N, C-alpha and C. Protein backbone atom coordinates (compact mmCIF):
# COMPACT_ATOMS: atom_id res chain seq x y z
N MET A 1 -36.89 126.15 98.74
CA MET A 1 -36.43 127.36 99.53
C MET A 1 -35.02 127.64 99.15
N GLY A 2 -34.70 128.91 98.96
CA GLY A 2 -33.40 129.39 98.58
C GLY A 2 -32.55 129.84 99.81
N PHE A 3 -31.33 129.83 99.59
CA PHE A 3 -30.43 130.25 100.68
C PHE A 3 -29.56 131.39 100.11
N ALA A 4 -29.33 132.40 100.87
CA ALA A 4 -28.49 133.55 100.39
C ALA A 4 -27.88 134.19 101.67
N LEU A 5 -26.83 134.93 101.35
CA LEU A 5 -26.12 135.68 102.33
C LEU A 5 -26.35 137.12 102.09
N HIS A 6 -26.97 137.86 103.00
CA HIS A 6 -27.23 139.30 102.90
C HIS A 6 -26.13 139.94 103.67
N GLU A 7 -25.20 140.50 102.98
CA GLU A 7 -23.98 141.17 103.67
C GLU A 7 -24.11 142.62 103.73
N ILE A 8 -23.85 143.16 104.88
CA ILE A 8 -23.79 144.63 105.07
C ILE A 8 -22.45 144.97 105.59
N THR A 9 -21.74 145.83 104.79
CA THR A 9 -20.42 146.26 105.23
C THR A 9 -20.39 147.77 105.50
N VAL A 10 -19.76 148.15 106.69
CA VAL A 10 -19.69 149.49 107.09
C VAL A 10 -18.25 149.73 107.47
N ARG A 11 -17.69 150.83 106.77
CA ARG A 11 -16.33 151.15 106.92
C ARG A 11 -16.13 152.61 107.40
N GLU A 12 -15.10 152.83 108.25
CA GLU A 12 -14.88 154.30 108.65
C GLU A 12 -14.47 155.06 107.45
N SER A 13 -13.75 154.52 106.50
CA SER A 13 -13.32 155.26 105.35
C SER A 13 -14.43 155.69 104.46
N ASP A 14 -15.65 155.13 104.64
CA ASP A 14 -16.84 155.55 103.90
C ASP A 14 -17.79 156.28 104.81
N SER A 15 -17.31 156.88 105.85
CA SER A 15 -18.13 157.60 106.81
C SER A 15 -19.21 156.67 107.42
N PHE A 16 -18.92 155.37 107.53
CA PHE A 16 -19.83 154.40 108.19
C PHE A 16 -21.16 154.25 107.41
N GLU A 17 -21.03 154.54 106.11
CA GLU A 17 -22.28 154.37 105.27
C GLU A 17 -22.40 152.88 104.95
N PRO A 18 -23.58 152.29 105.18
CA PRO A 18 -23.72 150.77 104.90
C PRO A 18 -23.83 150.52 103.48
N HIS A 19 -23.03 149.46 103.07
CA HIS A 19 -23.10 148.96 101.73
C HIS A 19 -23.61 147.51 101.77
N MET A 20 -24.75 147.26 101.04
CA MET A 20 -25.39 145.98 101.05
C MET A 20 -25.24 145.15 99.79
N GLN A 21 -25.12 143.89 99.94
CA GLN A 21 -25.12 142.97 98.80
C GLN A 21 -25.65 141.64 99.19
N VAL A 22 -26.23 140.98 98.17
CA VAL A 22 -26.67 139.58 98.38
C VAL A 22 -25.76 138.71 97.66
N ARG A 23 -25.16 137.74 98.33
CA ARG A 23 -24.19 136.73 97.74
C ARG A 23 -24.70 135.40 97.92
N ASP A 24 -24.03 134.47 97.23
CA ASP A 24 -24.24 133.05 97.34
C ASP A 24 -23.77 132.63 98.77
N LEU A 25 -24.55 131.92 99.49
CA LEU A 25 -24.14 131.48 100.78
C LEU A 25 -22.92 130.54 100.78
N ALA A 26 -22.72 129.82 99.73
CA ALA A 26 -21.48 129.01 99.64
C ALA A 26 -20.26 129.82 99.64
N ALA A 27 -20.24 131.05 99.22
CA ALA A 27 -19.03 131.84 99.12
C ALA A 27 -18.73 132.58 100.54
N SER A 28 -19.57 132.23 101.53
CA SER A 28 -19.45 133.01 102.82
C SER A 28 -18.40 132.58 103.78
N GLY A 29 -17.88 131.38 103.56
CA GLY A 29 -16.89 130.80 104.47
C GLY A 29 -17.48 130.16 105.65
N LEU A 30 -18.86 130.12 105.64
CA LEU A 30 -19.49 129.43 106.84
C LEU A 30 -19.71 127.90 106.41
N ILE A 31 -19.59 127.11 107.39
CA ILE A 31 -19.88 125.62 107.23
C ILE A 31 -21.17 125.37 107.96
N LEU A 32 -22.21 125.00 107.21
CA LEU A 32 -23.54 124.70 107.72
C LEU A 32 -23.98 123.36 107.27
N ARG A 33 -24.41 122.51 108.25
CA ARG A 33 -24.82 121.19 107.79
C ARG A 33 -26.13 120.81 108.56
N GLU A 34 -26.98 120.13 107.91
CA GLU A 34 -28.28 119.72 108.54
C GLU A 34 -28.04 118.26 108.96
N THR A 35 -28.38 117.92 110.23
CA THR A 35 -28.28 116.60 110.69
C THR A 35 -29.28 116.32 111.80
N ASP A 36 -30.03 115.26 111.61
CA ASP A 36 -31.11 114.89 112.61
C ASP A 36 -32.05 116.05 113.04
N GLY A 37 -32.49 116.83 111.97
CA GLY A 37 -33.39 117.93 112.20
C GLY A 37 -32.77 119.12 112.78
N LEU A 38 -31.49 119.23 112.91
CA LEU A 38 -30.88 120.38 113.51
C LEU A 38 -29.81 120.93 112.50
N LEU A 39 -29.58 122.27 112.60
CA LEU A 39 -28.56 122.89 111.74
C LEU A 39 -27.28 123.07 112.63
N ARG A 40 -26.19 122.51 112.12
CA ARG A 40 -24.82 122.59 112.77
C ARG A 40 -24.15 123.74 112.08
N VAL A 41 -23.77 124.79 112.91
CA VAL A 41 -23.01 125.92 112.52
C VAL A 41 -21.65 125.84 113.08
N ASP A 42 -20.61 125.58 112.24
CA ASP A 42 -19.22 125.58 112.70
C ASP A 42 -18.75 127.03 112.83
N PRO A 43 -17.66 127.24 113.59
CA PRO A 43 -17.17 128.57 113.79
C PRO A 43 -16.71 129.20 112.46
N PRO A 44 -16.94 130.44 112.28
CA PRO A 44 -16.64 131.19 111.01
C PRO A 44 -15.11 131.06 110.72
N GLU A 45 -14.73 131.03 109.50
CA GLU A 45 -13.36 131.07 109.19
C GLU A 45 -12.74 132.32 109.67
N VAL A 46 -11.47 132.23 110.13
CA VAL A 46 -10.68 133.47 110.58
C VAL A 46 -9.45 133.57 109.76
N THR A 47 -9.02 134.84 109.63
CA THR A 47 -7.84 135.11 108.89
C THR A 47 -6.61 134.83 109.67
N MET A 48 -5.53 134.37 109.13
CA MET A 48 -4.31 134.20 109.90
C MET A 48 -3.52 135.48 110.05
N PHE A 49 -3.96 136.55 109.40
CA PHE A 49 -3.26 137.83 109.50
C PHE A 49 -3.84 138.76 110.55
N GLY A 50 -4.96 138.44 111.15
CA GLY A 50 -5.60 139.28 112.18
C GLY A 50 -5.21 138.89 113.57
N MET A 51 -5.25 139.91 114.43
CA MET A 51 -4.96 139.67 115.84
C MET A 51 -6.28 139.87 116.69
N PRO A 52 -6.48 139.32 117.79
CA PRO A 52 -5.59 138.44 118.45
C PRO A 52 -5.65 137.01 117.81
N ARG A 53 -4.60 136.26 118.05
CA ARG A 53 -4.56 134.88 117.65
C ARG A 53 -5.61 134.07 118.38
N ARG A 54 -6.24 133.21 117.59
CA ARG A 54 -7.28 132.34 118.24
C ARG A 54 -6.85 130.95 118.05
N ASN A 55 -6.10 130.39 118.99
CA ASN A 55 -5.66 128.98 119.03
C ASN A 55 -6.73 128.03 119.43
N ARG A 56 -7.66 128.52 120.24
CA ARG A 56 -8.80 127.69 120.63
C ARG A 56 -10.08 128.41 120.25
N ARG A 57 -10.95 127.66 119.50
CA ARG A 57 -12.14 128.18 119.00
C ARG A 57 -13.33 127.49 119.69
N PRO A 58 -14.47 128.19 119.85
CA PRO A 58 -15.63 127.52 120.45
C PRO A 58 -16.20 126.38 119.58
N PRO A 59 -16.88 125.46 120.19
CA PRO A 59 -17.40 124.33 119.40
C PRO A 59 -18.56 124.79 118.47
N ALA A 60 -18.89 123.87 117.55
CA ALA A 60 -20.00 124.23 116.65
C ALA A 60 -21.30 124.41 117.52
N VAL A 61 -22.24 125.09 116.94
CA VAL A 61 -23.56 125.35 117.54
C VAL A 61 -24.69 124.62 116.75
N ARG A 62 -25.56 124.04 117.45
CA ARG A 62 -26.70 123.39 116.79
C ARG A 62 -27.96 124.13 117.04
N LEU A 63 -28.66 124.41 116.03
CA LEU A 63 -29.95 125.18 116.01
C LEU A 63 -31.09 124.27 115.67
N ALA A 64 -32.25 124.35 116.41
CA ALA A 64 -33.44 123.67 116.05
C ALA A 64 -34.21 124.66 115.09
N PRO A 65 -35.30 124.14 114.35
CA PRO A 65 -36.01 125.01 113.48
C PRO A 65 -36.62 126.18 114.27
N GLY A 66 -36.48 127.42 113.74
CA GLY A 66 -37.08 128.58 114.35
C GLY A 66 -36.06 129.23 115.30
N GLN A 67 -34.98 128.65 115.62
CA GLN A 67 -33.94 129.36 116.48
C GLN A 67 -32.96 130.09 115.63
N TRP A 68 -32.27 131.11 116.34
CA TRP A 68 -31.29 131.81 115.51
C TRP A 68 -30.11 132.08 116.36
N LEU A 69 -28.97 132.28 115.72
CA LEU A 69 -27.66 132.35 116.32
C LEU A 69 -26.99 133.71 115.93
N GLN A 70 -26.33 134.33 116.90
CA GLN A 70 -25.50 135.53 116.59
C GLN A 70 -24.11 135.13 117.07
N TRP A 71 -23.13 135.33 116.07
CA TRP A 71 -21.74 134.95 116.28
C TRP A 71 -20.99 136.18 116.02
N GLN A 72 -20.17 136.75 117.04
CA GLN A 72 -19.43 137.95 116.88
C GLN A 72 -17.95 137.57 117.01
N ILE A 73 -17.09 138.21 116.15
CA ILE A 73 -15.66 138.06 116.23
C ILE A 73 -15.02 139.38 115.74
N ASN A 74 -13.85 139.65 116.34
CA ASN A 74 -13.24 140.90 115.89
C ASN A 74 -11.79 140.72 115.62
N PHE A 75 -11.10 141.64 114.91
CA PHE A 75 -9.71 141.45 114.53
C PHE A 75 -9.09 142.91 114.50
N ARG A 76 -7.71 142.87 114.65
CA ARG A 76 -6.89 144.02 114.46
C ARG A 76 -5.85 143.64 113.37
N PHE A 77 -5.70 144.55 112.42
CA PHE A 77 -4.74 144.35 111.30
C PHE A 77 -3.68 145.46 111.40
N VAL A 78 -2.48 145.04 111.00
CA VAL A 78 -1.37 146.08 110.89
C VAL A 78 -0.94 146.20 109.44
N GLY A 79 -0.95 147.40 108.85
CA GLY A 79 -0.59 147.65 107.58
C GLY A 79 0.86 147.19 107.26
N CYS A 80 1.13 146.64 106.12
CA CYS A 80 2.47 146.14 105.79
C CYS A 80 3.54 147.25 105.45
N CYS A 81 2.99 148.39 105.01
CA CYS A 81 3.92 149.51 104.60
C CYS A 81 4.07 150.57 105.70
N ASP A 82 2.94 151.05 106.23
CA ASP A 82 2.98 152.23 107.15
C ASP A 82 2.70 151.78 108.58
N ARG A 83 2.45 150.50 108.82
CA ARG A 83 2.23 149.98 110.17
C ARG A 83 1.00 150.53 110.79
N SER A 84 0.11 151.10 109.97
CA SER A 84 -1.18 151.66 110.59
C SER A 84 -2.10 150.53 110.96
N TRP A 85 -2.96 150.75 111.94
CA TRP A 85 -3.87 149.70 112.40
C TRP A 85 -5.29 149.91 111.75
N SER A 86 -5.89 148.79 111.55
CA SER A 86 -7.37 148.86 111.19
C SER A 86 -8.04 147.75 111.95
N TYR A 87 -9.34 147.91 112.17
CA TYR A 87 -10.11 146.98 113.03
C TYR A 87 -11.27 146.48 112.22
N GLN A 88 -11.65 145.24 112.58
CA GLN A 88 -12.78 144.65 111.86
C GLN A 88 -13.62 143.88 112.95
N LEU A 89 -14.93 144.07 112.80
CA LEU A 89 -15.82 143.36 113.67
C LEU A 89 -16.89 142.70 112.74
N GLU A 90 -16.97 141.35 112.88
CA GLU A 90 -17.96 140.58 112.10
C GLU A 90 -19.07 140.07 112.94
N THR A 91 -20.30 140.31 112.57
CA THR A 91 -21.40 139.81 113.25
C THR A 91 -22.14 138.98 112.27
N VAL A 92 -22.37 137.67 112.59
CA VAL A 92 -23.06 136.81 111.74
C VAL A 92 -24.33 136.40 112.42
N ASN A 93 -25.47 136.63 111.72
CA ASN A 93 -26.79 136.16 112.26
C ASN A 93 -27.29 135.13 111.33
N ILE A 94 -27.67 134.00 111.93
CA ILE A 94 -28.25 132.87 111.11
C ILE A 94 -29.50 132.27 111.73
N VAL A 95 -30.58 132.24 110.98
CA VAL A 95 -31.84 131.63 111.43
C VAL A 95 -32.03 130.34 110.70
N TYR A 96 -32.45 129.33 111.37
CA TYR A 96 -32.79 128.05 110.86
C TYR A 96 -34.21 127.87 110.57
N GLY A 97 -34.61 127.80 109.26
CA GLY A 97 -36.03 127.59 109.01
C GLY A 97 -36.72 128.87 108.73
N ALA A 98 -38.09 128.84 108.71
CA ALA A 98 -38.87 130.03 108.39
C ALA A 98 -38.87 130.93 109.64
N ALA A 99 -38.85 132.22 109.50
CA ALA A 99 -38.84 133.20 110.52
C ALA A 99 -39.49 134.41 110.09
N PRO A 100 -40.11 135.18 111.01
CA PRO A 100 -40.64 136.46 110.64
C PRO A 100 -39.50 137.46 110.23
N ARG A 101 -39.80 138.38 109.37
CA ARG A 101 -38.90 139.39 108.85
C ARG A 101 -38.13 140.10 109.96
N GLU A 102 -38.70 140.30 111.12
CA GLU A 102 -38.04 141.08 112.12
C GLU A 102 -37.30 140.25 113.13
N VAL A 103 -37.12 138.92 112.79
CA VAL A 103 -36.46 138.02 113.72
C VAL A 103 -35.23 138.51 114.37
N PHE A 104 -34.34 139.23 113.59
CA PHE A 104 -33.03 139.58 114.11
C PHE A 104 -33.16 140.87 114.94
N LEU A 105 -34.37 141.39 115.23
CA LEU A 105 -34.52 142.39 116.09
C LEU A 105 -34.74 141.98 117.54
N SER A 106 -34.93 140.67 117.71
CA SER A 106 -35.09 140.15 119.09
C SER A 106 -33.82 139.57 119.60
N PHE A 107 -33.79 139.05 120.80
CA PHE A 107 -32.56 138.47 121.34
C PHE A 107 -32.35 137.10 120.73
N PRO A 108 -31.06 136.81 120.39
CA PRO A 108 -30.82 135.48 119.75
C PRO A 108 -31.10 134.37 120.75
N THR A 109 -31.43 133.16 120.17
CA THR A 109 -31.62 132.01 120.95
C THR A 109 -30.24 131.48 121.49
N ARG A 110 -29.24 131.63 120.62
CA ARG A 110 -27.88 131.26 120.94
C ARG A 110 -26.95 132.44 120.61
N ARG A 111 -25.91 132.64 121.37
CA ARG A 111 -24.96 133.76 121.06
C ARG A 111 -23.51 133.23 121.39
N VAL A 112 -22.63 133.50 120.44
CA VAL A 112 -21.23 133.22 120.62
C VAL A 112 -20.51 134.50 120.48
N ASP A 113 -19.73 134.97 121.53
CA ASP A 113 -18.97 136.11 121.57
C ASP A 113 -17.42 135.81 121.53
N GLU A 114 -16.86 135.98 120.36
CA GLU A 114 -15.37 135.73 120.26
C GLU A 114 -14.58 137.07 120.21
N ARG A 115 -15.18 138.11 120.64
CA ARG A 115 -14.47 139.40 120.65
C ARG A 115 -13.42 139.37 121.63
N GLY A 116 -12.26 139.77 121.13
CA GLY A 116 -11.03 139.83 122.04
C GLY A 116 -10.47 141.14 122.25
N ALA A 117 -9.60 141.30 123.20
CA ALA A 117 -8.86 142.58 123.41
C ALA A 117 -8.00 142.96 122.22
N LEU A 118 -8.16 144.16 121.68
CA LEU A 118 -7.46 144.57 120.52
C LEU A 118 -6.47 145.68 120.86
N ARG A 119 -5.46 145.41 121.59
CA ARG A 119 -4.52 146.44 122.11
C ARG A 119 -3.59 146.83 121.01
């Protein structure tokens, strides 16, 4: 069985047109480990340049075969030259094991919401 990251990027500067690519899962910044028949998903990497600061992160999530996780996190960035703001929302969906094609159209088995106030 192969593993891959299907990434969809949507930006306001592109009129919210989705851009899709398939990348190597190892390049995703996600830490995934199989232990005792479960998949351990550590919190996604965060940039030190985004706000709000996240000094405390949620613990790792463990998934049994057939379960899926949705992890959301957001950031605000300030431009270095013109001090303009930009926003980023990341949604990571991970399924462990075989799943039907439409699995991500249902409610996740586990959900982590790290979205913060972006004033």
